[in-house]
PDB file of N, CA and C in Angstrom:
ATOM      1  N   UNK A   1       0.799  -1.198   0.128  1.00  0.00           N
ATOM      2  CA  UNK A   1      -0.056  -0.038   0.101  1.00  0.00           C
ATOM      3  C   UNK A   1       1.152   1.481   0.056  1.00  0.00           C
ATOM      4  N   UNK A   2       1.731   1.015   0.897  1.00  0.00           N
ATOM      5  CA  UNK A   2       2.631   2.487   0.728  1.00  0.00           C
ATOM      6  C   UNK A   2       3.422   2.652  -0.680  1.00  0.00           C
ATOM      7  N   UNK A   3       3.804   1.355  -1.471  1.00  0.00           N
ATOM      8  CA  UNK A   3       4.271   1.800  -2.705  1.00  0.00           C
ATOM      9  C   UNK A   3       3.265   2.431  -3.634  1.00  0.00           C
ATOM     10  N   UNK A   4       2.066   2.024  -3.448  1.00  0.00           N
ATOM     11  CA  UNK A   4       1.266   2.975  -3.810  1.00  0.00           C
ATOM     12  C   UNK A   4       1.256   4.553  -4.135  1.00  0.00           C
ATOM     13  N   UNK A   5       0.907   4.619  -2.764  1.00  0.00           N
ATOM     14  CA  UNK A   5       1.168   6.492  -2.115  1.00  0.00           C
ATOM     15  C   UNK A   5       2.198   6.481  -2.703  1.00  0.00           C
ATOM     16  N   UNK A   6       3.422   6.048  -2.737  1.00  0.00           N
ATOM     17  CA  UNK A   6       4.880   6.854  -3.366  1.00  0.00           C
ATOM     18  C   UNK A   6       4.326   6.689  -4.583  1.00  0.00           C
ATOM     19  N   UNK A   7       4.017   6.016  -5.460  1.00  0.00           N
ATOM     20  CA  UNK A   7       4.190   6.053  -6.873  1.00  0.00           C
ATOM     21  C   UNK A   7       2.793   7.234  -7.175  1.00  0.00           C
ATOM     22  N   UNK A   8       1.833   7.203  -6.781  1.00  0.00           N
ATOM     23  CA  UNK A   8       0.922   8.385  -6.731  1.00  0.00           C
ATOM     24  C   UNK A   8       1.690   9.529  -6.388  1.00  0.00           C
ATOM     25  N   UNK A   9       2.271   9.779  -5.226  1.00  0.00           N
ATOM     26  CA  UNK A   9       2.629  11.301  -4.759  1.00  0.00           C
ATOM     27  C   UNK A   9       3.912  11.433  -5.963  1.00  0.00           C
ATOM     28  N   UNK A  10       4.540  10.467  -6.706  1.00  0.00           N
ATOM     29  CA  UNK A  10       5.590  10.841  -7.894  1.00  0.00           C
ATOM     30  C   UNK A  10       4.814  11.046  -8.811  1.00  0.00           C
ATOM     31  N   UNK A  11       3.837  10.648  -9.348  1.00  0.00           N
ATOM     32  CA  UNK A  11       2.809  10.783 -10.654  1.00  0.00           C
ATOM     33  C   UNK A  11       2.408  12.402 -10.228  1.00  0.00           C
ATOM     34  N   UNK A  12       1.912  13.035  -9.338  1.00  0.00           N
ATOM     35  CA  UNK A  12       1.230  14.232  -8.571  1.00  0.00           C
ATOM     36  C   UNK A  12       2.393  15.182  -8.696  1.00  0.00           C
ATOM     37  N   UNK A  13       3.954  14.661  -8.579  1.00  0.00           N
ATOM     38  CA  UNK A  13       4.958  15.363  -8.630  1.00  0.00           C
ATOM     39  C   UNK A  13       5.330  15.763 -10.178  1.00  0.00           C
ATOM     40  N   UNK A  14       5.401  14.858 -10.981  1.00  0.00           N
ATOM     41  CA  UNK A  14       5.590  15.007 -12.028  1.00  0.00           C
ATOM     42  C   UNK A  14       4.495  15.655 -13.079  1.00  0.00           C
ATOM     43  N   UNK A  15       3.646  15.661 -12.745  1.00  0.00           N
ATOM     44  CA  UNK A  15       2.218  16.544 -13.459  1.00  0.00           C
ATOM     45  C   UNK A  15       2.301  17.605 -12.766  1.00  0.00           C
ATOM     46  N   UNK A  16       2.921  18.215 -11.769  1.00  0.00           N
ATOM     47  CA  UNK A  16       3.234  19.519 -11.275  1.00  0.00           C
ATOM     48  C   UNK A  16       4.315  20.071 -12.163  1.00  0.00           C
ATOM     49  N   UNK A  17       5.546  19.537 -11.998  1.00  0.00           N
ATOM     50  CA  UNK A  17       6.500  19.829 -12.928  1.00  0.00           C
ATOM     51  C   UNK A  17       6.432  20.065 -14.228  1.00  0.00           C
ATOM     52  N   UNK A  18       5.446  19.115 -15.084  1.00  0.00           N
ATOM     53  CA  UNK A  18       5.076  19.368 -16.363  1.00  0.00           C
ATOM     54  C   UNK A  18       4.627  20.887 -16.674  1.00  0.00           C
ATOM     55  N   UNK A  19       3.290  20.877 -15.467  1.00  0.00           N
ATOM     56  CA  UNK A  19       2.559  22.116 -15.984  1.00  0.00           C
ATOM     57  C   UNK A  19       3.388  23.198 -15.644  1.00  0.00           C
ATOM     58  N   UNK A  20       4.484  23.259 -14.442  1.00  0.00           N
ATOM     59  CA  UNK A  20       5.497  24.471 -14.505  1.00  0.00           C
ATOM     60  C   UNK A  20       5.992  24.598 -15.728  1.00  0.00           C
ATOM     61  N   UNK A  21       6.578  23.754 -16.409  1.00  0.00           N
ATOM     62  CA  UNK A  21       7.443  23.986 -17.995  1.00  0.00           C
ATOM     63  C   UNK A  21       6.766  24.318 -18.921  1.00  0.00           C
ATOM     64  N   UNK A  22       5.431  23.870 -18.691  1.00  0.00           N
ATOM     65  CA  UNK A  22       4.324  24.136 -19.747  1.00  0.00           C
ATOM     66  C   UNK A  22       4.134  25.726 -19.554  1.00  0.00           C
ATOM     67  N   UNK A  23       3.962  26.157 -18.661  1.00  0.00           N
ATOM     68  CA  UNK A  23       3.643  27.466 -17.904  1.00  0.00           C
ATOM     69  C   UNK A  23       4.745  28.424 -18.997  1.00  0.00           C
ATOM     70  N   UNK A  24       6.151  28.097 -18.343  1.00  0.00           N
ATOM     71  CA  UNK A  24       7.052  28.745 -18.677  1.00  0.00           C
ATOM     72  C   UNK A  24       7.844  28.599 -20.037  1.00  0.00           C
ATOM     73  N   UNK A  25       7.133  27.557 -21.252  1.00  0.00           N
ATOM     74  CA  UNK A  25       7.199  27.685 -22.012  1.00  0.00           C
ATOM     75  C   UNK A  25       6.367  28.460 -22.720  1.00  0.00           C
ATOM     76  N   UNK A  26       4.753  28.893 -22.580  1.00  0.00           N
ATOM     77  CA  UNK A  26       4.090  29.433 -23.147  1.00  0.00           C
ATOM     78  C   UNK A  26       4.430  31.430 -22.391  1.00  0.00           C
ATOM     79  N   UNK A  27       5.165  31.223 -21.573  1.00  0.00           N
ATOM     80  CA  UNK A  27       5.675  32.529 -20.835  1.00  0.00           C
ATOM     81  C   UNK A  27       6.946  32.874 -21.930  1.00  0.00           C
ATOM     82  N   UNK A  28       7.667  32.273 -22.057  1.00  0.00           N
ATOM     83  CA  UNK A  28       8.751  32.564 -22.800  1.00  0.00           C
ATOM     84  C   UNK A  28       8.405  32.633 -24.220  1.00  0.00           C
ATOM     85  N   UNK A  29       7.386  31.614 -24.930  1.00  0.00           N
ATOM     86  CA  UNK A  29       7.087  31.813 -26.290  1.00  0.00           C
ATOM     87  C   UNK A  29       6.367  33.447 -26.617  1.00  0.00           C
ATOM     88  N   UNK A  30       5.600  33.936 -25.377  1.00  0.00           N
ATOM     89  CA  UNK A  30       4.913  35.017 -25.358  1.00  0.00           C
ATOM     90  C   UNK A  30       6.013  36.398 -25.554  1.00  0.00           C
ATOM     91  N   UNK A  31       6.838  36.231 -24.644  1.00  0.00           N
ATOM     92  CA  UNK A  31       7.518  37.323 -24.738  1.00  0.00           C
ATOM     93  C   UNK A  31       8.443  37.497 -25.487  1.00  0.00           C
ATOM     94  N   UNK A  32       8.621  36.281 -26.233  1.00  0.00           N
ATOM     95  CA  UNK A  32       9.611  36.275 -27.680  1.00  0.00           C
ATOM     96  C   UNK A  32       8.990  37.064 -28.547  1.00  0.00           C
ATOM     97  N   UNK A  33       7.584  36.695 -28.818  1.00  0.00           N
ATOM     98  CA  UNK A  33       7.027  37.020 -29.827  1.00  0.00           C
ATOM     99  C   UNK A  33       6.361  38.782 -29.619  1.00  0.00           C
ATOM    100  N   UNK A  34       6.242  39.157 -28.448  1.00  0.00           N
ATOM    101  CA  UNK A  34       6.084  40.543 -28.099  1.00  0.00           C
ATOM    102  C   UNK A  34       7.448  41.205 -28.382  1.00  0.00           C
ATOM    103  N   UNK A  35       8.505  40.603 -28.118  1.00  0.00           N
ATOM    104  CA  UNK A  35       9.952  41.218 -28.156  1.00  0.00           C
ATOM    105  C   UNK A  35      10.404  41.063 -29.551  1.00  0.00           C
ATOM    106  N   UNK A  36       9.954  40.076 -29.995  1.00  0.00           N
ATOM    107  CA  UNK A  36      10.262  39.913 -31.649  1.00  0.00           C
ATOM    108  C   UNK A  36      11.889  39.056 -31.670  1.00  0.00           C
ATOM    109  N   UNK A  37      12.029  38.685 -30.438  1.00  0.00           N
ATOM    110  CA  UNK A  37      13.090  37.469 -30.198  1.00  0.00           C
ATOM    111  C   UNK A  37      13.252  36.280 -30.418  1.00  0.00           C
ATOM    112  N   UNK A  38      14.066  35.335 -30.761  1.00  0.00           N
ATOM    113  CA  UNK A  38      13.851  33.896 -30.982  1.00  0.00           C
ATOM    114  C   UNK A  38      14.422  33.301 -29.594  1.00  0.00           C
ATOM    115  N   UNK A  39      13.461  32.977 -28.794  1.00  0.00           N
ATOM    116  CA  UNK A  39      13.790  32.101 -27.836  1.00  0.00           C
ATOM    117  C   UNK A  39      13.703  30.016 -27.828  1.00  0.00           C
ATOM    118  N   UNK A  40      15.033  29.861 -27.552  1.00  0.00           N
ATOM    119  CA  UNK A  40      15.104  28.486 -27.675  1.00  0.00           C
ATOM    120  C   UNK A  40      14.357  28.008 -27.172  1.00  0.00           C
ATOM    121  N   UNK A  41      13.595  27.072 -27.428  1.00  0.00           N
ATOM    122  CA  UNK A  41      12.387  26.087 -27.249  1.00  0.00           C
ATOM    123  C   UNK A  41      12.856  24.537 -26.739  1.00  0.00           C
ATOM    124  N   UNK A  42      13.998  24.064 -27.513  1.00  0.00           N
ATOM    125  CA  UNK A  42      14.416  22.662 -27.342  1.00  0.00           C
ATOM    126  C   UNK A  42      14.584  22.627 -26.193  1.00  0.00           C
ATOM    127  N   UNK A  43      14.780  23.055 -25.233  1.00  0.00           N
ATOM    128  CA  UNK A  43      15.317  22.605 -23.702  1.00  0.00           C
ATOM    129  C   UNK A  43      13.853  22.532 -22.742  1.00  0.00           C
ATOM    130  N   UNK A  44      13.036  23.354 -23.536  1.00  0.00           N
ATOM    131  CA  UNK A  44      11.724  22.845 -22.554  1.00  0.00           C
ATOM    132  C   UNK A  44      11.038  21.457 -23.346  1.00  0.00           C
ATOM    133  N   UNK A  45      10.911  21.335 -24.449  1.00  0.00           N
ATOM    134  CA  UNK A  45      10.459  20.116 -25.369  1.00  0.00           C
ATOM    135  C   UNK A  45      11.493  18.844 -24.534  1.00  0.00           C
ATOM    136  N   UNK A  46      12.453  19.276 -24.370  1.00  0.00           N
ATOM    137  CA  UNK A  46      13.417  18.040 -23.712  1.00  0.00           C
ATOM    138  C   UNK A  46      12.937  17.340 -22.439  1.00  0.00           C
ATOM    139  N   UNK A  47      12.818  18.756 -21.233  1.00  0.00           N
ATOM    140  CA  UNK A  47      11.977  18.678 -20.598  1.00  0.00           C
ATOM    141  C   UNK A  47      10.773  17.721 -20.267  1.00  0.00           C
ATOM    142  N   UNK A  48      10.000  18.256 -21.044  1.00  0.00           N
ATOM    143  CA  UNK A  48       8.748  17.987 -21.371  1.00  0.00           C
ATOM    144  C   UNK A  48       8.798  16.390 -21.377  1.00  0.00           C
ATOM    145  N   UNK A  49       9.661  16.185 -22.242  1.00  0.00           N
ATOM    146  CA  UNK A  49       9.745  14.376 -22.861  1.00  0.00           C
ATOM    147  C   UNK A  49      10.403  13.579 -21.889  1.00  0.00           C
ATOM    148  N   UNK A  50      11.251  14.068 -21.140  1.00  0.00           N
ATOM    149  CA  UNK A  50      11.624  13.789 -20.124  1.00  0.00           C
ATOM    150  C   UNK A  50      10.555  13.307 -19.168  1.00  0.00           C
ATOM    151  N   UNK A  51      10.134  14.145 -18.560  1.00  0.00           N
ATOM    152  CA  UNK A  51       9.028  14.196 -17.444  1.00  0.00           C
ATOM    153  C   UNK A  51       7.836  12.962 -18.028  1.00  0.00           C
ATOM    154  N   UNK A  52       7.440  13.207 -19.411  1.00  0.00           N
ATOM    155  CA  UNK A  52       6.388  11.978 -19.845  1.00  0.00           C
ATOM    156  C   UNK A  52       6.523  10.762 -19.952  1.00  0.00           C
ATOM    157  N   UNK A  53       8.593  10.765 -20.073  1.00  0.00           N
ATOM    158  CA  UNK A  53       8.622   9.194 -20.003  1.00  0.00           C
ATOM    159  C   UNK A  53       8.608   8.405 -18.749  1.00  0.00           C
ATOM    160  N   UNK A  54       9.149   9.445 -17.463  1.00  0.00           N
ATOM    161  CA  UNK A  54       9.072   9.136 -16.078  1.00  0.00           C
ATOM    162  C   UNK A  54       7.189   8.516 -15.850  1.00  0.00           C
ATOM    163  N   UNK A  55       6.649   9.548 -16.403  1.00  0.00           N
ATOM    164  CA  UNK A  55       5.257   9.416 -15.946  1.00  0.00           C
ATOM    165  C   UNK A  55       4.899   8.001 -16.393  1.00  0.00           C
ATOM    166  N   UNK A  56       4.976   7.987 -17.976  1.00  0.00           N
ATOM    167  CA  UNK A  56       4.399   6.723 -18.586  1.00  0.00           C
ATOM    168  C   UNK A  56       5.402   5.447 -17.775  1.00  0.00           C
ATOM    169  N   UNK A  57       6.401   5.632 -17.411  1.00  0.00           N
ATOM    170  CA  UNK A  57       7.234   4.214 -16.811  1.00  0.00           C
ATOM    171  C   UNK A  57       6.425   3.917 -15.347  1.00  0.00           C
ATOM    172  N   UNK A  58       6.307   5.338 -14.500  1.00  0.00           N
ATOM    173  CA  UNK A  58       5.315   4.909 -13.141  1.00  0.00           C
ATOM    174  C   UNK A  58       3.925   3.896 -14.004  1.00  0.00           C
ATOM    175  N   UNK A  59       3.162   4.932 -14.500  1.00  0.00           N
ATOM    176  CA  UNK A  59       2.133   4.187 -14.786  1.00  0.00           C
ATOM    177  C   UNK A  59       2.114   2.893 -15.430  1.00  0.00           C
ATOM    178  N   UNK A  60       3.281   2.403 -15.986  1.00  0.00           N
ATOM    179  CA  UNK A  60       3.467   1.282 -16.714  1.00  0.00           C
ATOM    180  C   UNK A  60       3.659   0.236 -15.211  1.00  0.00           C
ATOM    181  N   UNK A  61       4.422   0.942 -14.330  1.00  0.00           N
ATOM    182  CA  UNK A  61       4.910  -0.134 -13.277  1.00  0.00           C
ATOM    183  C   UNK A  61       3.606  -0.345 -12.291  1.00  0.00           C
ATOM    184  N   UNK A  62       3.197   0.535 -12.568  1.00  0.00           N
ATOM    185  CA  UNK A  62       1.447   0.514 -11.315  1.00  0.00           C
ATOM    186  C   UNK A  62       0.620  -0.666 -11.894  1.00  0.00           C
ATOM    187  N   UNK A  63       0.451  -0.503 -13.130  1.00  0.00           N
ATOM    188  CA  UNK A  63      -0.413  -1.508 -14.330  1.00  0.00           C
ATOM    189  C   UNK A  63       0.248  -2.794 -13.807  1.00  0.00           C
ATOM    190  N   UNK A  64       1.397  -2.960 -14.175  1.00  0.00           N
ATOM    191  CA  UNK A  64       2.417  -4.420 -13.627  1.00  0.00           C
ATOM    192  C   UNK A  64       1.734  -5.053 -12.333  1.00  0.00           C
ATOM    193  N   UNK A  65       2.178  -4.428 -11.466  1.00  0.00           N
ATOM    194  CA  UNK A  65       1.845  -4.329  -9.924  1.00  0.00           C
ATOM    195  C   UNK A  65       0.627  -4.686  -9.940  1.00  0.00           C
ATOM    196  N   UNK A  66      -0.215  -4.059 -10.506  1.00  0.00           N
ATOM    197  CA  UNK A  66      -1.757  -4.542 -10.522  1.00  0.00           C
ATOM    198  C   UNK A  66      -2.147  -5.700 -11.402  1.00  0.00           C
ATOM    199  N   UNK A  67      -1.443  -5.934 -12.212  1.00  0.00           N
ATOM    200  CA  UNK A  67      -1.625  -7.492 -13.390  1.00  0.00           C
ATOM    201  C   UNK A  67      -1.201  -8.311 -12.096  1.00  0.00           C
ATOM    202  N   UNK A  68      -0.206  -8.183 -11.427  1.00  0.00           N
ATOM    203  CA  UNK A  68       0.726  -9.523 -10.476  1.00  0.00           C
ATOM    204  C   UNK A  68      -0.497  -9.365  -9.467  1.00  0.00           C
ATOM    205  N   UNK A  69      -1.150  -8.686  -8.767  1.00  0.00           N
ATOM    206  CA  UNK A  69      -1.647  -8.799  -7.233  1.00  0.00           C
ATOM    207  C   UNK A  69      -3.216  -9.442  -7.932  1.00  0.00           C
ATOM    208  N   UNK A  70      -3.594  -9.691  -9.344  1.00  0.00           N
ATOM    209  CA  UNK A  70      -4.460 -10.194  -9.503  1.00  0.00           C
ATOM    210  C   UNK A  70      -4.668 -11.745  -9.703  1.00  0.00           C
TER     211      UNK A  70
END
């Protein structure tokens, strides 16, 4: 049971981090378009991809544990 709570809190943390990165991406894109400046967005997408991969791995782990318990 404790492991499920840990996984859930990790998923919640990842979701919060993804929202932060998305917020800052939109902020930088808005500032860039307003100021007419090119903003490097590759680091934002790299971070989002890494967070999504972590989220997918945790969801798969939870699914596997659920399948094993049945």
